[in-house]
């Protein structure tokens, strides 16, 4: 049964109408990660922008964290819309519900385990989209929060057998192959910016992947099927704690969902995967990186312009 919304305040209408960029953040517990993510948004140099907060049935301090962000946001020239769900509907349905509240020309997905590193991230991602009318989705360089801030993901590729590879995983953040913008097969939705007009045309995330996993890879393929490019922009760096939003949620069997939904993705896109110039399955690799926890990192992380 569809849960009832506890509240859906629509934010400051004037600011929403003025903002070109809308940022969607889905939260399910993990209140301290969400707090750190939201606080870092205030370091963003662009104003105004619109934030859509979806509380996916949290049972911890998350509602109070969202309240505190909303109370400060108006003074920071940031518009806020809220959707408070009474139970966990899954990441895909939660995001789809939040997309109904998004506005502006450009839409951003941002996981609640992201912390802003490049303060001009919104302007830079927008520039990547505006500089080429073929660009539909652009993603940043995701790095680990502990020095030396090695790469977590610098765009993705898909092997001939349909396996997803995180480009640059575990490599130094200034490793030359990952300092140049490029088009890529797909991105992960921990953070990306997309053209809202195209997202509206192709519709919401595919709920065949519910509750989570591979829906973002699929969405990039839908953008590309519509004739648009996925692009990696290394000029934007964001800290990512990795798998807090989904993988560290005790109610989900994350490895099982990865395999199950990976098969769905391969079956759906078999013809396109076969036709494109993806790497061989023998090139697939997954560097084992020690988990970085919020309590392991300093209260203040380095910021870039």
C-alpha atoms as a PDB file:
ATOM      1  CA  UNK A   1       0.000   0.000   0.000  1.00  0.00           C
ATOM      2  CA  UNK A   2       1.296   3.471  -0.891  1.00  0.00           C
ATOM      3  CA  UNK A   3       2.327   5.298   2.329  1.00  0.00           C
ATOM      4  CA  UNK A   4       0.743   8.600   3.182  1.00  0.00           C
ATOM      5  CA  UNK A   5       2.915  11.707   3.132  1.00  0.00           C
ATOM      6  CA  UNK A   6       3.348  13.197   6.562  1.00  0.00           C
ATOM      7  CA  UNK A   7       3.951  16.634   5.065  1.00  0.00           C
ATOM      8  CA  UNK A   8       4.808  18.215   1.730  1.00  0.00           C
ATOM      9  CA  UNK A   9       5.696  21.890   2.313  1.00  0.00           C
ATOM     10  CA  UNK A  10       6.619  23.331  -1.070  1.00  0.00           C
ATOM     11  CA  UNK A  11       9.300  25.769   0.009  1.00  0.00           C
ATOM     12  CA  UNK A  12       9.826  29.414  -0.941  1.00  0.00           C
ATOM     13  CA  UNK A  13       7.960  29.773  -4.233  1.00  0.00           C
ATOM     14  CA  UNK A  14       9.810  32.878  -5.410  1.00  0.00           C
ATOM     15  CA  UNK A  15      13.207  31.257  -4.886  1.00  0.00           C
ATOM     16  CA  UNK A  16      12.074  28.040  -6.541  1.00  0.00           C
ATOM     17  CA  UNK A  17      10.935  29.963  -9.606  1.00  0.00           C
ATOM     18  CA  UNK A  18      14.250  31.843  -9.750  1.00  0.00           C
ATOM     19  CA  UNK A  19      16.494  28.794  -9.326  1.00  0.00           C
ATOM     20  CA  UNK A  20      17.832  27.124 -12.479  1.00  0.00           C
ATOM     21  CA  UNK A  21      19.100  24.081 -10.599  1.00  0.00           C
ATOM     22  CA  UNK A  22      17.197  21.647  -8.403  1.00  0.00           C
ATOM     23  CA  UNK A  23      19.056  19.155  -6.162  1.00  0.00           C
ATOM     24  CA  UNK A  24      17.312  15.981  -4.978  1.00  0.00           C
ATOM     25  CA  UNK A  25      18.547  14.299  -1.778  1.00  0.00           C
ATOM     26  CA  UNK A  26      16.996  11.103  -0.452  1.00  0.00           C
ATOM     27  CA  UNK A  27      17.606  10.199   3.191  1.00  0.00           C
ATOM     28  CA  UNK A  28      16.874   7.035   5.136  1.00  0.00           C
ATOM     29  CA  UNK A  29      18.416   7.273   8.614  1.00  0.00           C
ATOM     30  CA  UNK A  30      22.218   7.836   8.712  1.00  0.00           C
ATOM     31  CA  UNK A  31      21.398  11.261  10.183  1.00  0.00           C
ATOM     32  CA  UNK A  32      25.001  12.352  10.774  1.00  0.00           C
ATOM     33  CA  UNK A  33      25.961  11.674   7.159  1.00  0.00           C
ATOM     34  CA  UNK A  34      22.927  13.658   6.007  1.00  0.00           C
ATOM     35  CA  UNK A  35      23.831  16.512   8.361  1.00  0.00           C
ATOM     36  CA  UNK A  36      27.370  16.681   6.978  1.00  0.00           C
ATOM     37  CA  UNK A  37      26.076  16.556   3.395  1.00  0.00           C
ATOM     38  CA  UNK A  38      23.530  19.332   3.922  1.00  0.00           C
ATOM     39  CA  UNK A  39      25.903  21.582   5.826  1.00  0.00           C
ATOM     40  CA  UNK A  40      28.407  21.303   2.992  1.00  0.00           C
ATOM     41  CA  UNK A  41      25.787  22.515   0.505  1.00  0.00           C
ATOM     42  CA  UNK A  42      26.013  25.967   2.075  1.00  0.00           C
ATOM     43  CA  UNK A  43      29.621  26.209   0.846  1.00  0.00           C
ATOM     44  CA  UNK A  44      28.325  26.130  -2.752  1.00  0.00           C
ATOM     45  CA  UNK A  45      29.102  29.385  -4.533  1.00  0.00           C
ATOM     46  CA  UNK A  46      26.019  29.431  -6.771  1.00  0.00           C
ATOM     47  CA  UNK A  47      22.809  31.068  -5.552  1.00  0.00           C
ATOM     48  CA  UNK A  48      19.922  30.541  -5.626  1.00  0.00           C
ATOM     49  CA  UNK A  49      19.363  26.813  -5.993  1.00  0.00           C
ATOM     50  CA  UNK A  50      16.516  24.544  -4.993  1.00  0.00           C
ATOM     51  CA  UNK A  51      16.872  21.485  -2.744  1.00  0.00           C
ATOM     52  CA  UNK A  52      14.236  18.728  -2.637  1.00  0.00           C
ATOM     53  CA  UNK A  53      14.559  16.682   0.555  1.00  0.00           C
ATOM     54  CA  UNK A  54      12.882  13.274   0.684  1.00  0.00           C
ATOM     55  CA  UNK A  55      12.787  11.537   4.060  1.00  0.00           C
ATOM     56  CA  UNK A  56      12.228   7.903   3.154  1.00  0.00           C
ATOM     57  CA  UNK A  57      10.662   6.825   6.458  1.00  0.00           C
ATOM     58  CA  UNK A  58      13.612   7.594   8.757  1.00  0.00           C
ATOM     59  CA  UNK A  59      13.388   6.489  12.384  1.00  0.00           C
ATOM     60  CA  UNK A  60      16.455   8.338  13.721  1.00  0.00           C
ATOM     61  CA  UNK A  61      17.299  12.057  14.017  1.00  0.00           C
ATOM     62  CA  UNK A  62      16.971  12.655  10.255  1.00  0.00           C
ATOM     63  CA  UNK A  63      13.715  14.695  10.446  1.00  0.00           C
ATOM     64  CA  UNK A  64      15.366  17.143  12.865  1.00  0.00           C
ATOM     65  CA  UNK A  65      18.442  17.370  10.624  1.00  0.00           C
ATOM     66  CA  UNK A  66      16.194  18.272   7.687  1.00  0.00           C
ATOM     67  CA  UNK A  67      14.304  20.776   9.855  1.00  0.00           C
ATOM     68  CA  UNK A  68      17.557  22.503  10.815  1.00  0.00           C
ATOM     69  CA  UNK A  69      18.700  22.719   7.185  1.00  0.00           C
ATOM     70  CA  UNK A  70      15.363  24.136   6.086  1.00  0.00           C
ATOM     71  CA  UNK A  71      15.379  26.713   8.890  1.00  0.00           C
ATOM     72  CA  UNK A  72      18.780  28.035   7.739  1.00  0.00           C
ATOM     73  CA  UNK A  73      18.229  27.723   3.992  1.00  0.00           C
ATOM     74  CA  UNK A  74      16.086  30.822   3.358  1.00  0.00           C
ATOM     75  CA  UNK A  75      18.755  33.089   4.825  1.00  0.00           C
ATOM     76  CA  UNK A  76      21.291  31.375   2.535  1.00  0.00           C
ATOM     77  CA  UNK A  77      19.162  32.030  -0.583  1.00  0.00           C
ATOM     78  CA  UNK A  78      18.419  28.316  -0.936  1.00  0.00           C
ATOM     79  CA  UNK A  79      14.868  27.121  -1.600  1.00  0.00           C
ATOM     80  CA  UNK A  80      13.692  23.898   0.053  1.00  0.00           C
ATOM     81  CA  UNK A  81      10.867  21.486  -0.692  1.00  0.00           C
ATOM     82  CA  UNK A  82      10.158  18.542   1.583  1.00  0.00           C
ATOM     83  CA  UNK A  83       8.541  15.168   1.121  1.00  0.00           C
ATOM     84  CA  UNK A  84       8.194  13.138   4.321  1.00  0.00           C
ATOM     85  CA  UNK A  85       7.244   9.515   3.691  1.00  0.00           C
ATOM     86  CA  UNK A  86       5.877   7.491   6.579  1.00  0.00           C
ATOM     87  CA  UNK A  87       7.738   4.326   5.552  1.00  0.00           C
ATOM     88  CA  UNK A  88      10.664   3.250   3.390  1.00  0.00           C
ATOM     89  CA  UNK A  89       9.431   2.888  -0.208  1.00  0.00           C
ATOM     90  CA  UNK A  90      12.886   2.068  -1.593  1.00  0.00           C
ATOM     91  CA  UNK A  91      15.440   4.368  -3.153  1.00  0.00           C
ATOM     92  CA  UNK A  92      13.989   4.256  -6.664  1.00  0.00           C
ATOM     93  CA  UNK A  93      10.387   5.017  -5.690  1.00  0.00           C
ATOM     94  CA  UNK A  94      11.601   7.632  -3.218  1.00  0.00           C
ATOM     95  CA  UNK A  95      13.596   9.393  -5.902  1.00  0.00           C
ATOM     96  CA  UNK A  96      10.741   9.185  -8.363  1.00  0.00           C
ATOM     97  CA  UNK A  97       8.440  10.816  -5.832  1.00  0.00           C
ATOM     98  CA  UNK A  98      11.034  13.534  -5.216  1.00  0.00           C
ATOM     99  CA  UNK A  99      11.460  14.178  -8.943  1.00  0.00           C
ATOM    100  CA  UNK A 100       7.839  15.320  -9.010  1.00  0.00           C
ATOM    101  CA  UNK A 101       8.887  18.309  -6.856  1.00  0.00           C
ATOM    102  CA  UNK A 102      11.988  19.267  -8.840  1.00  0.00           C
ATOM    103  CA  UNK A 103      12.128  22.495 -10.833  1.00  0.00           C
ATOM    104  CA  UNK A 104      14.443  24.489 -13.064  1.00  0.00           C
ATOM    105  CA  UNK A 105      16.418  23.624 -16.200  1.00  0.00           C
ATOM    106  CA  UNK A 106      18.921  21.292 -14.557  1.00  0.00           C
ATOM    107  CA  UNK A 107      18.282  18.482 -12.084  1.00  0.00           C
ATOM    108  CA  UNK A 108      20.882  17.041  -9.719  1.00  0.00           C
ATOM    109  CA  UNK A 109      20.831  13.687  -7.949  1.00  0.00           C
ATOM    110  CA  UNK A 110      22.959  13.823  -4.788  1.00  0.00           C
ATOM    111  CA  UNK A 111      23.377  11.009  -2.280  1.00  0.00           C
ATOM    112  CA  UNK A 112      23.297  11.868   1.398  1.00  0.00           C
ATOM    113  CA  UNK A 113      26.816  10.430   1.821  1.00  0.00           C
ATOM    114  CA  UNK A 114      28.354  13.150  -0.377  1.00  0.00           C
ATOM    115  CA  UNK A 115      30.272  16.157   0.994  1.00  0.00           C
ATOM    116  CA  UNK A 116      31.062  19.104  -1.282  1.00  0.00           C
ATOM    117  CA  UNK A 117      34.762  19.576  -2.111  1.00  0.00           C
ATOM    118  CA  UNK A 118      34.629  21.889  -5.163  1.00  0.00           C
ATOM    119  CA  UNK A 119      32.582  24.902  -4.057  1.00  0.00           C
ATOM    120  CA  UNK A 120      31.700  25.909  -7.639  1.00  0.00           C
ATOM    121  CA  UNK A 121      30.425  22.409  -8.427  1.00  0.00           C
ATOM    122  CA  UNK A 122      26.982  23.514  -9.616  1.00  0.00           C
ATOM    123  CA  UNK A 123      28.293  26.134 -12.042  1.00  0.00           C
ATOM    124  CA  UNK A 124      30.919  23.768 -13.426  1.00  0.00           C
ATOM    125  CA  UNK A 125      28.504  20.890 -14.012  1.00  0.00           C
ATOM    126  CA  UNK A 126      26.016  23.286 -15.605  1.00  0.00           C
ATOM    127  CA  UNK A 127      28.758  24.625 -17.890  1.00  0.00           C
ATOM    128  CA  UNK A 128      29.535  21.072 -19.032  1.00  0.00           C
ATOM    129  CA  UNK A 129      25.923  20.632 -20.103  1.00  0.00           C
ATOM    130  CA  UNK A 130      25.618  24.058 -21.695  1.00  0.00           C
ATOM    131  CA  UNK A 131      28.870  23.802 -23.649  1.00  0.00           C
ATOM    132  CA  UNK A 132      27.578  20.937 -25.814  1.00  0.00           C
ATOM    133  CA  UNK A 133      23.908  20.511 -26.792  1.00  0.00           C
ATOM    134  CA  UNK A 134      24.525  16.764 -27.144  1.00  0.00           C
ATOM    135  CA  UNK A 135      25.387  16.425 -23.434  1.00  0.00           C
ATOM    136  CA  UNK A 136      22.511  15.078 -21.337  1.00  0.00           C
ATOM    137  CA  UNK A 137      24.057  13.981 -18.028  1.00  0.00           C
ATOM    138  CA  UNK A 138      27.361  15.027 -16.456  1.00  0.00           C
ATOM    139  CA  UNK A 139      29.064  13.554 -13.398  1.00  0.00           C
ATOM    140  CA  UNK A 140      32.012  14.701 -11.242  1.00  0.00           C
ATOM    141  CA  UNK A 141      35.126  12.987  -9.930  1.00  0.00           C
ATOM    142  CA  UNK A 142      34.183  11.243  -6.675  1.00  0.00           C
ATOM    143  CA  UNK A 143      37.051  10.922  -4.187  1.00  0.00           C
ATOM    144  CA  UNK A 144      37.518   9.366  -0.775  1.00  0.00           C
ATOM    145  CA  UNK A 145      37.330  11.660   2.248  1.00  0.00           C
ATOM    146  CA  UNK A 146      40.652  10.565   3.755  1.00  0.00           C
ATOM    147  CA  UNK A 147      43.976  11.851   2.355  1.00  0.00           C
ATOM    148  CA  UNK A 148      45.382  11.466  -0.237  1.00  0.00           C
ATOM    149  CA  UNK A 149      41.780  11.516  -1.549  1.00  0.00           C
ATOM    150  CA  UNK A 150      42.160   8.754  -4.093  1.00  0.00           C
ATOM    151  CA  UNK A 151      39.494   8.316  -6.759  1.00  0.00           C
ATOM    152  CA  UNK A 152      36.325   6.422  -5.925  1.00  0.00           C
ATOM    153  CA  UNK A 153      34.680   6.867  -9.334  1.00  0.00           C
ATOM    154  CA  UNK A 154      35.595   8.866 -12.440  1.00  0.00           C
ATOM    155  CA  UNK A 155      32.770   7.826 -14.723  1.00  0.00           C
ATOM    156  CA  UNK A 156      31.945   4.233 -15.615  1.00  0.00           C
ATOM    157  CA  UNK A 157      32.306   1.773 -18.417  1.00  0.00           C
ATOM    158  CA  UNK A 158      30.307  -1.372 -19.186  1.00  0.00           C
ATOM    159  CA  UNK A 159      32.069  -4.518 -20.359  1.00  0.00           C
ATOM    160  CA  UNK A 160      30.923  -6.611 -23.305  1.00  0.00           C
ATOM    161  CA  UNK A 161      29.322  -8.927 -20.765  1.00  0.00           C
ATOM    162  CA  UNK A 162      27.422  -6.082 -19.096  1.00  0.00           C
ATOM    163  CA  UNK A 163      29.601  -5.627 -15.998  1.00  0.00           C
ATOM    164  CA  UNK A 164      29.974  -2.070 -14.673  1.00  0.00           C
ATOM    165  CA  UNK A 165      33.483  -0.748 -14.022  1.00  0.00           C
ATOM    166  CA  UNK A 166      34.235   2.343 -11.911  1.00  0.00           C
ATOM    167  CA  UNK A 167      36.929   4.173 -13.848  1.00  0.00           C
ATOM    168  CA  UNK A 168      39.916   5.184 -11.732  1.00  0.00           C
ATOM    169  CA  UNK A 169      38.797   3.398  -8.580  1.00  0.00           C
ATOM    170  CA  UNK A 170      41.674   3.491  -6.077  1.00  0.00           C
ATOM    171  CA  UNK A 171      43.933   5.545  -8.350  1.00  0.00           C
ATOM    172  CA  UNK A 172      45.552   8.884  -7.318  1.00  0.00           C
ATOM    173  CA  UNK A 173      43.126  11.775  -7.790  1.00  0.00           C
ATOM    174  CA  UNK A 174      45.509  13.584 -10.179  1.00  0.00           C
ATOM    175  CA  UNK A 175      46.374  10.500 -12.219  1.00  0.00           C
ATOM    176  CA  UNK A 176      46.586  11.877 -15.764  1.00  0.00           C
ATOM    177  CA  UNK A 177      43.971   9.640 -17.443  1.00  0.00           C
ATOM    178  CA  UNK A 178      41.351  10.985 -15.039  1.00  0.00           C
ATOM    179  CA  UNK A 179      42.129  14.705 -15.312  1.00  0.00           C
ATOM    180  CA  UNK A 180      40.601  15.128 -18.781  1.00  0.00           C
ATOM    181  CA  UNK A 181      36.862  15.470 -19.531  1.00  0.00           C
ATOM    182  CA  UNK A 182      35.463  12.640 -21.600  1.00  0.00           C
ATOM    183  CA  UNK A 183      32.247  10.998 -22.716  1.00  0.00           C
ATOM    184  CA  UNK A 184      31.550   7.709 -20.975  1.00  0.00           C
ATOM    185  CA  UNK A 185      29.099   4.857 -21.226  1.00  0.00           C
ATOM    186  CA  UNK A 186      27.435   5.550 -17.912  1.00  0.00           C
ATOM    187  CA  UNK A 187      27.660   7.307 -14.546  1.00  0.00           C
ATOM    188  CA  UNK A 188      26.549   6.577 -11.000  1.00  0.00           C
ATOM    189  CA  UNK A 189      23.868   8.725  -9.403  1.00  0.00           C
ATOM    190  CA  UNK A 190      25.765   9.433  -6.183  1.00  0.00           C
ATOM    191  CA  UNK A 191      26.033  12.769  -7.971  1.00  0.00           C
ATOM    192  CA  UNK A 192      25.124  13.857 -11.447  1.00  0.00           C
ATOM    193  CA  UNK A 193      23.468  16.801 -13.159  1.00  0.00           C
ATOM    194  CA  UNK A 194      21.050  16.243 -16.044  1.00  0.00           C
ATOM    195  CA  UNK A 195      18.950  18.294 -18.400  1.00  0.00           C
ATOM    196  CA  UNK A 196      15.478  18.479 -16.918  1.00  0.00           C
ATOM    197  CA  UNK A 197      13.722  18.653 -20.278  1.00  0.00           C
ATOM    198  CA  UNK A 198      15.177  15.299 -21.323  1.00  0.00           C
ATOM    199  CA  UNK A 199      14.477  13.703 -17.942  1.00  0.00           C
ATOM    200  CA  UNK A 200      10.835  14.756 -18.273  1.00  0.00           C
ATOM    201  CA  UNK A 201      10.645  13.220 -21.741  1.00  0.00           C
ATOM    202  CA  UNK A 202      12.106   9.840 -20.817  1.00  0.00           C
ATOM    203  CA  UNK A 203      10.205   9.654 -17.544  1.00  0.00           C
ATOM    204  CA  UNK A 204      11.040   8.411 -14.027  1.00  0.00           C
ATOM    205  CA  UNK A 205      13.565   5.814 -12.958  1.00  0.00           C
ATOM    206  CA  UNK A 206      12.644   2.260 -13.967  1.00  0.00           C
ATOM    207  CA  UNK A 207      11.020   0.604 -10.973  1.00  0.00           C
ATOM    208  CA  UNK A 208      11.751  -2.899 -12.280  1.00  0.00           C
ATOM    209  CA  UNK A 209      15.043  -2.384 -10.386  1.00  0.00           C
ATOM    210  CA  UNK A 210      13.316  -1.599  -7.063  1.00  0.00           C
ATOM    211  CA  UNK A 211      14.233  -1.114  -4.321  1.00  0.00           C
ATOM    212  CA  UNK A 212      17.681  -0.066  -5.638  1.00  0.00           C
ATOM    213  CA  UNK A 213      20.686  -0.919  -7.825  1.00  0.00           C
ATOM    214  CA  UNK A 214      21.321  -0.464 -11.559  1.00  0.00           C
ATOM    215  CA  UNK A 215      18.485   2.056 -11.967  1.00  0.00           C
ATOM    216  CA  UNK A 216      21.072   4.818 -12.471  1.00  0.00           C
ATOM    217  CA  UNK A 217      23.084   2.811 -15.005  1.00  0.00           C
ATOM    218  CA  UNK A 218      19.834   2.103 -16.847  1.00  0.00           C
ATOM    219  CA  UNK A 219      18.857   5.794 -16.760  1.00  0.00           C
ATOM    220  CA  UNK A 220      22.107   6.803 -18.433  1.00  0.00           C
ATOM    221  CA  UNK A 221      21.451   4.260 -21.166  1.00  0.00           C
ATOM    222  CA  UNK A 222      17.977   5.721 -21.625  1.00  0.00           C
ATOM    223  CA  UNK A 223      19.507   9.194 -22.058  1.00  0.00           C
ATOM    224  CA  UNK A 224      21.937   7.803 -24.595  1.00  0.00           C
ATOM    225  CA  UNK A 225      19.175   5.919 -26.395  1.00  0.00           C
ATOM    226  CA  UNK A 226      17.424   9.283 -26.716  1.00  0.00           C
ATOM    227  CA  UNK A 227      20.527  10.677 -28.464  1.00  0.00           C
ATOM    228  CA  UNK A 228      22.364  12.393 -25.592  1.00  0.00           C
ATOM    229  CA  UNK A 229      25.820  11.905 -24.107  1.00  0.00           C
ATOM    230  CA  UNK A 230      26.993  11.037 -20.615  1.00  0.00           C
ATOM    231  CA  UNK A 231      30.022  13.093 -19.668  1.00  0.00           C
ATOM    232  CA  UNK A 232      32.672  12.959 -16.945  1.00  0.00           C
ATOM    233  CA  UNK A 233      33.908  16.342 -15.651  1.00  0.00           C
ATOM    234  CA  UNK A 234      37.117  16.096 -13.565  1.00  0.00           C
ATOM    235  CA  UNK A 235      37.040  19.814 -12.703  1.00  0.00           C
ATOM    236  CA  UNK A 236      34.453  18.956 -10.020  1.00  0.00           C
ATOM    237  CA  UNK A 237      35.514  16.836  -7.055  1.00  0.00           C
ATOM    238  CA  UNK A 238      33.172  15.635  -4.319  1.00  0.00           C
ATOM    239  CA  UNK A 239      33.831  13.450  -1.291  1.00  0.00           C
ATOM    240  CA  UNK A 240      31.847  10.215  -1.281  1.00  0.00           C
ATOM    241  CA  UNK A 241      31.628   7.853   1.685  1.00  0.00           C
ATOM    242  CA  UNK A 242      30.410   5.057  -0.626  1.00  0.00           C
ATOM    243  CA  UNK A 243      27.468   2.741   0.010  1.00  0.00           C
ATOM    244  CA  UNK A 244      26.111   4.605   3.036  1.00  0.00           C
ATOM    245  CA  UNK A 245      22.863   5.378   1.212  1.00  0.00           C
ATOM    246  CA  UNK A 246      22.198   1.766   0.188  1.00  0.00           C
ATOM    247  CA  UNK A 247      24.967  -0.698   0.967  1.00  0.00           C
ATOM    248  CA  UNK A 248      25.069  -0.045   4.711  1.00  0.00           C
ATOM    249  CA  UNK A 249      21.320  -0.371   5.134  1.00  0.00           C
ATOM    250  CA  UNK A 250      20.834  -3.554   7.135  1.00  0.00           C
ATOM    251  CA  UNK A 251      17.474  -4.431   5.585  1.00  0.00           C
ATOM    252  CA  UNK A 252      18.926  -4.814   2.071  1.00  0.00           C
ATOM    253  CA  UNK A 253      20.859  -7.769   0.677  1.00  0.00           C
ATOM    254  CA  UNK A 254      23.066  -5.555  -1.444  1.00  0.00           C
ATOM    255  CA  UNK A 255      25.152  -8.290  -3.162  1.00  0.00           C
ATOM    256  CA  UNK A 256      21.981 -10.168  -4.109  1.00  0.00           C
ATOM    257  CA  UNK A 257      20.363  -7.022  -5.539  1.00  0.00           C
ATOM    258  CA  UNK A 258      23.532  -6.267  -7.506  1.00  0.00           C
ATOM    259  CA  UNK A 259      23.463  -9.666  -9.199  1.00  0.00           C
ATOM    260  CA  UNK A 260      19.679  -9.757  -9.683  1.00  0.00           C
ATOM    261  CA  UNK A 261      19.376  -6.267 -11.146  1.00  0.00           C
ATOM    262  CA  UNK A 262      22.596  -6.636 -13.108  1.00  0.00           C
ATOM    263  CA  UNK A 263      20.968  -9.503 -15.001  1.00  0.00           C
ATOM    264  CA  UNK A 264      17.900  -7.357 -15.675  1.00  0.00           C
ATOM    265  CA  UNK A 265      20.121  -4.579 -17.015  1.00  0.00           C
ATOM    266  CA  UNK A 266      22.060  -6.957 -19.288  1.00  0.00           C
ATOM    267  CA  UNK A 267      18.870  -8.435 -20.698  1.00  0.00           C
ATOM    268  CA  UNK A 268      17.268  -5.042 -21.317  1.00  0.00           C
ATOM    269  CA  UNK A 269      20.297  -3.502 -23.034  1.00  0.00           C
ATOM    270  CA  UNK A 270      21.939  -6.578 -24.602  1.00  0.00           C
ATOM    271  CA  UNK A 271      21.811  -5.221 -28.158  1.00  0.00           C
ATOM    272  CA  UNK A 272      23.267  -1.829 -27.263  1.00  0.00           C
ATOM    273  CA  UNK A 273      25.999  -3.316 -25.045  1.00  0.00           C
ATOM    274  CA  UNK A 274      27.011  -5.667 -27.866  1.00  0.00           C
ATOM    275  CA  UNK A 275      27.181  -2.800 -30.359  1.00  0.00           C
ATOM    276  CA  UNK A 276      29.263  -0.370 -28.308  1.00  0.00           C
ATOM    277  CA  UNK A 277      32.989  -0.266 -27.700  1.00  0.00           C
ATOM    278  CA  UNK A 278      33.050  -1.401 -24.081  1.00  0.00           C
ATOM    279  CA  UNK A 279      36.025  -3.162 -22.491  1.00  0.00           C
ATOM    280  CA  UNK A 280      36.384  -6.927 -22.483  1.00  0.00           C
ATOM    281  CA  UNK A 281      35.166  -8.802 -19.426  1.00  0.00           C
ATOM    282  CA  UNK A 282      38.787  -9.767 -18.744  1.00  0.00           C
ATOM    283  CA  UNK A 283      39.540  -6.078 -18.072  1.00  0.00           C
ATOM    284  CA  UNK A 284      36.944  -5.812 -15.305  1.00  0.00           C
ATOM    285  CA  UNK A 285      38.457  -5.075 -11.902  1.00  0.00           C
ATOM    286  CA  UNK A 286      37.185  -3.911  -8.521  1.00  0.00           C
ATOM    287  CA  UNK A 287      39.825  -2.502  -6.185  1.00  0.00           C
ATOM    288  CA  UNK A 288      39.142  -3.426  -2.553  1.00  0.00           C
ATOM    289  CA  UNK A 289      39.165  -0.141  -0.608  1.00  0.00           C
ATOM    290  CA  UNK A 290      38.883   0.073   3.176  1.00  0.00           C
ATOM    291  CA  UNK A 291      35.584   1.599   4.255  1.00  0.00           C
ATOM    292  CA  UNK A 292      35.827   5.266   5.249  1.00  0.00           C
ATOM    293  CA  UNK A 293      33.501   6.188   8.099  1.00  0.00           C
ATOM    294  CA  UNK A 294      32.303   9.664   8.990  1.00  0.00           C
ATOM    295  CA  UNK A 295      33.880   9.445  12.443  1.00  0.00           C
ATOM    296  CA  UNK A 296      37.283   8.779  10.830  1.00  0.00           C
ATOM    297  CA  UNK A 297      37.458  12.089   8.966  1.00  0.00           C
ATOM    298  CA  UNK A 298      38.128  15.576  10.366  1.00  0.00           C
ATOM    299  CA  UNK A 299      35.269  17.982  11.047  1.00  0.00           C
ATOM    300  CA  UNK A 300      36.631  20.274   8.337  1.00  0.00           C
ATOM    301  CA  UNK A 301      37.531  18.834   4.939  1.00  0.00           C
ATOM    302  CA  UNK A 302      39.587  20.643   2.304  1.00  0.00           C
ATOM    303  CA  UNK A 303      37.531  22.695  -0.137  1.00  0.00           C
ATOM    304  CA  UNK A 304      38.480  23.754  -3.655  1.00  0.00           C
ATOM    305  CA  UNK A 305      37.238  26.727  -5.672  1.00  0.00           C
END
